[in-house]
Amino acid sequence: MVISGISSSLLQQINNGATQTGDAVSIKMMREALDIQSAQAAQLINSVAESVPAPAKGNGQHIDIKV
């Protein structure tokens, strides 16, 4: 096939279409990776919150001042 007869603008449009398809795939994979990271971060935060003991009643309610 002789491609010298194809205009350069047509070749550029074909190349841009391929790039846009590749970009769409990259964006989709990036979104999935961010969703996974978000879910893992939420799980980590929840596990830390569950491991911290509840404060004792009365802590921080009274201040002893000695002069």
N, C-alpha and C. Protein backbone atom coordinates (compact mmCIF):
# COMPACT_ATOMS: atom_id res chain seq x y z
N MET A 1 0.85 -1.18 0.00
CA MET A 1 0.00 0.00 0.00
C MET A 1 0.88 1.23 0.00
N VAL A 2 0.58 2.16 -0.83
CA VAL A 2 1.33 3.41 -0.92
C VAL A 2 0.61 4.44 -0.06
N ILE A 3 1.31 4.96 0.96
CA ILE A 3 0.67 5.94 1.85
C ILE A 3 1.04 7.36 1.49
N SER A 4 1.85 7.52 0.44
CA SER A 4 2.24 8.88 0.07
C SER A 4 1.04 9.68 -0.45
N GLY A 5 0.01 8.99 -0.93
CA GLY A 5 -1.17 9.67 -1.43
C GLY A 5 -2.12 10.13 -0.32
N ILE A 6 -1.90 9.66 0.91
CA ILE A 6 -2.76 10.03 2.03
C ILE A 6 -2.29 11.37 2.58
N SER A 7 -3.21 12.25 2.79
CA SER A 7 -2.84 13.58 3.28
C SER A 7 -2.28 13.50 4.70
N SER A 8 -1.40 14.42 4.99
CA SER A 8 -0.78 14.43 6.32
C SER A 8 -1.81 14.72 7.41
N SER A 9 -2.83 15.51 7.10
CA SER A 9 -3.85 15.81 8.11
C SER A 9 -4.64 14.56 8.46
N LEU A 10 -4.90 13.69 7.48
CA LEU A 10 -5.60 12.44 7.74
C LEU A 10 -4.75 11.52 8.61
N LEU A 11 -3.46 11.44 8.30
CA LEU A 11 -2.55 10.63 9.12
C LEU A 11 -2.49 11.16 10.55
N GLN A 12 -2.49 12.47 10.69
CA GLN A 12 -2.45 13.06 12.03
C GLN A 12 -3.73 12.74 12.80
N GLN A 13 -4.87 12.77 12.13
CA GLN A 13 -6.14 12.43 12.79
C GLN A 13 -6.15 10.98 13.22
N ILE A 14 -5.59 10.10 12.39
CA ILE A 14 -5.51 8.68 12.75
C ILE A 14 -4.62 8.52 13.98
N ASN A 15 -3.48 9.19 13.98
CA ASN A 15 -2.57 9.10 15.13
C ASN A 15 -3.20 9.67 16.39
N ASN A 16 -3.92 10.77 16.27
CA ASN A 16 -4.58 11.36 17.43
C ASN A 16 -5.65 10.43 17.98
N GLY A 17 -6.35 9.73 17.09
CA GLY A 17 -7.36 8.77 17.54
C GLY A 17 -6.73 7.66 18.34
N ALA A 18 -5.59 7.17 17.90
CA ALA A 18 -4.89 6.11 18.63
C ALA A 18 -4.42 6.62 19.98
N THR A 19 -3.94 7.85 20.00
CA THR A 19 -3.48 8.42 21.26
C THR A 19 -4.65 8.61 22.23
N GLN A 20 -5.79 9.05 21.71
CA GLN A 20 -6.94 9.26 22.58
C GLN A 20 -7.43 7.94 23.16
N THR A 21 -7.37 6.88 22.37
CA THR A 21 -7.78 5.57 22.88
C THR A 21 -6.82 5.13 23.98
N GLY A 22 -5.53 5.31 23.74
CA GLY A 22 -4.53 4.97 24.75
C GLY A 22 -4.70 5.81 26.00
N ASP A 23 -5.02 7.09 25.83
CA ASP A 23 -5.25 7.97 26.97
C ASP A 23 -6.47 7.52 27.76
N ALA A 24 -7.52 7.09 27.07
CA ALA A 24 -8.73 6.64 27.75
C ALA A 24 -8.44 5.41 28.61
N VAL A 25 -7.64 4.49 28.07
CA VAL A 25 -7.28 3.30 28.84
C VAL A 25 -6.44 3.69 30.05
N SER A 26 -5.49 4.60 29.86
CA SER A 26 -4.65 5.05 30.98
C SER A 26 -5.48 5.72 32.07
N ILE A 27 -6.42 6.54 31.66
CA ILE A 27 -7.28 7.23 32.63
C ILE A 27 -8.14 6.22 33.39
N LYS A 28 -8.68 5.24 32.69
CA LYS A 28 -9.50 4.21 33.33
C LYS A 28 -8.69 3.45 34.37
N MET A 29 -7.47 3.07 34.02
CA MET A 29 -6.63 2.33 34.95
C MET A 29 -6.23 3.20 36.14
N MET A 30 -5.98 4.48 35.89
CA MET A 30 -5.64 5.41 36.97
C MET A 30 -6.81 5.56 37.94
N ARG A 31 -8.02 5.66 37.41
CA ARG A 31 -9.21 5.77 38.27
C ARG A 31 -9.38 4.52 39.13
N GLU A 32 -9.17 3.35 38.53
CA GLU A 32 -9.30 2.12 39.29
C GLU A 32 -8.24 2.05 40.39
N ALA A 33 -7.02 2.47 40.09
CA ALA A 33 -5.96 2.47 41.09
C ALA A 33 -6.30 3.43 42.23
N LEU A 34 -6.83 4.60 41.89
CA LEU A 34 -7.20 5.57 42.93
C LEU A 34 -8.36 5.06 43.78
N ASP A 35 -9.31 4.36 43.17
CA ASP A 35 -10.42 3.77 43.93
C ASP A 35 -9.90 2.73 44.92
N ILE A 36 -8.96 1.91 44.47
CA ILE A 36 -8.38 0.89 45.35
C ILE A 36 -7.64 1.55 46.50
N GLN A 37 -6.84 2.58 46.19
CA GLN A 37 -6.10 3.28 47.24
C GLN A 37 -7.05 3.95 48.23
N SER A 38 -8.12 4.51 47.73
CA SER A 38 -9.10 5.16 48.60
C SER A 38 -9.74 4.15 49.55
N ALA A 39 -10.10 2.99 49.02
CA ALA A 39 -10.70 1.95 49.86
C ALA A 39 -9.71 1.45 50.90
N GLN A 40 -8.45 1.29 50.53
CA GLN A 40 -7.44 0.83 51.48
C GLN A 40 -7.18 1.88 52.55
N ALA A 41 -7.18 3.16 52.18
CA ALA A 41 -6.97 4.22 53.16
C ALA A 41 -8.13 4.27 54.15
N ALA A 42 -9.34 4.12 53.67
CA ALA A 42 -10.51 4.12 54.56
C ALA A 42 -10.45 2.93 55.51
N GLN A 43 -10.04 1.79 55.00
CA GLN A 43 -9.91 0.60 55.84
C GLN A 43 -8.84 0.80 56.91
N LEU A 44 -7.73 1.41 56.54
CA LEU A 44 -6.65 1.68 57.50
C LEU A 44 -7.11 2.65 58.58
N ILE A 45 -7.81 3.69 58.19
CA ILE A 45 -8.31 4.67 59.17
C ILE A 45 -9.30 4.02 60.13
N ASN A 46 -10.19 3.19 59.60
CA ASN A 46 -11.16 2.51 60.45
C ASN A 46 -10.47 1.54 61.41
N SER A 47 -9.45 0.84 60.97
CA SER A 47 -8.77 -0.11 61.85
C SER A 47 -8.01 0.63 62.96
N VAL A 48 -7.48 1.79 62.67
CA VAL A 48 -6.79 2.57 63.71
C VAL A 48 -7.81 3.10 64.71
N ALA A 49 -8.94 3.57 64.23
CA ALA A 49 -9.97 4.10 65.12
C ALA A 49 -10.50 3.01 66.05
N GLU A 50 -10.59 1.79 65.57
CA GLU A 50 -11.08 0.69 66.41
C GLU A 50 -10.06 0.25 67.44
N SER A 51 -8.78 0.43 67.18
CA SER A 51 -7.76 -0.05 68.09
C SER A 51 -7.45 0.94 69.23
N VAL A 52 -7.92 2.17 69.13
CA VAL A 52 -7.68 3.17 70.17
C VAL A 52 -8.72 2.98 71.26
N PRO A 53 -8.28 2.82 72.52
CA PRO A 53 -9.26 2.65 73.59
C PRO A 53 -10.05 3.93 73.85
N ALA A 54 -11.25 3.75 74.34
CA ALA A 54 -12.09 4.89 74.67
C ALA A 54 -11.49 5.62 75.87
N PRO A 55 -11.54 6.93 75.88
CA PRO A 55 -10.99 7.67 77.01
C PRO A 55 -11.79 7.39 78.29
N ALA A 56 -11.09 7.40 79.41
CA ALA A 56 -11.74 7.17 80.69
C ALA A 56 -12.65 8.36 81.02
N LYS A 57 -13.74 8.07 81.69
CA LYS A 57 -14.64 9.14 82.09
C LYS A 57 -13.93 10.02 83.10
N GLY A 58 -14.01 11.28 82.92
CA GLY A 58 -13.39 12.20 83.87
C GLY A 58 -12.07 12.76 83.39
N ASN A 59 -11.46 12.14 82.41
CA ASN A 59 -10.20 12.69 81.89
C ASN A 59 -10.47 14.01 81.21
N GLY A 60 -9.72 15.02 81.60
CA GLY A 60 -9.86 16.33 80.99
C GLY A 60 -10.99 17.17 81.55
N GLN A 61 -11.70 16.65 82.57
CA GLN A 61 -12.81 17.42 83.12
C GLN A 61 -12.39 18.23 84.34
N HIS A 62 -11.34 17.81 85.00
CA HIS A 62 -10.89 18.48 86.23
C HIS A 62 -9.43 18.92 86.05
N ILE A 63 -9.15 20.11 86.54
CA ILE A 63 -7.79 20.62 86.49
C ILE A 63 -7.36 20.87 87.92
N ASP A 64 -6.27 20.23 88.33
CA ASP A 64 -5.71 20.45 89.65
C ASP A 64 -4.63 21.53 89.55
N ILE A 65 -4.82 22.59 90.33
CA ILE A 65 -3.85 23.68 90.33
C ILE A 65 -3.21 23.74 91.71
N LYS A 66 -1.89 23.64 91.73
CA LYS A 66 -1.16 23.75 92.99
C LYS A 66 -0.29 24.99 92.91
N VAL A 67 -0.40 25.81 93.96
CA VAL A 67 0.37 27.04 93.97
C VAL A 67 1.45 26.94 95.03
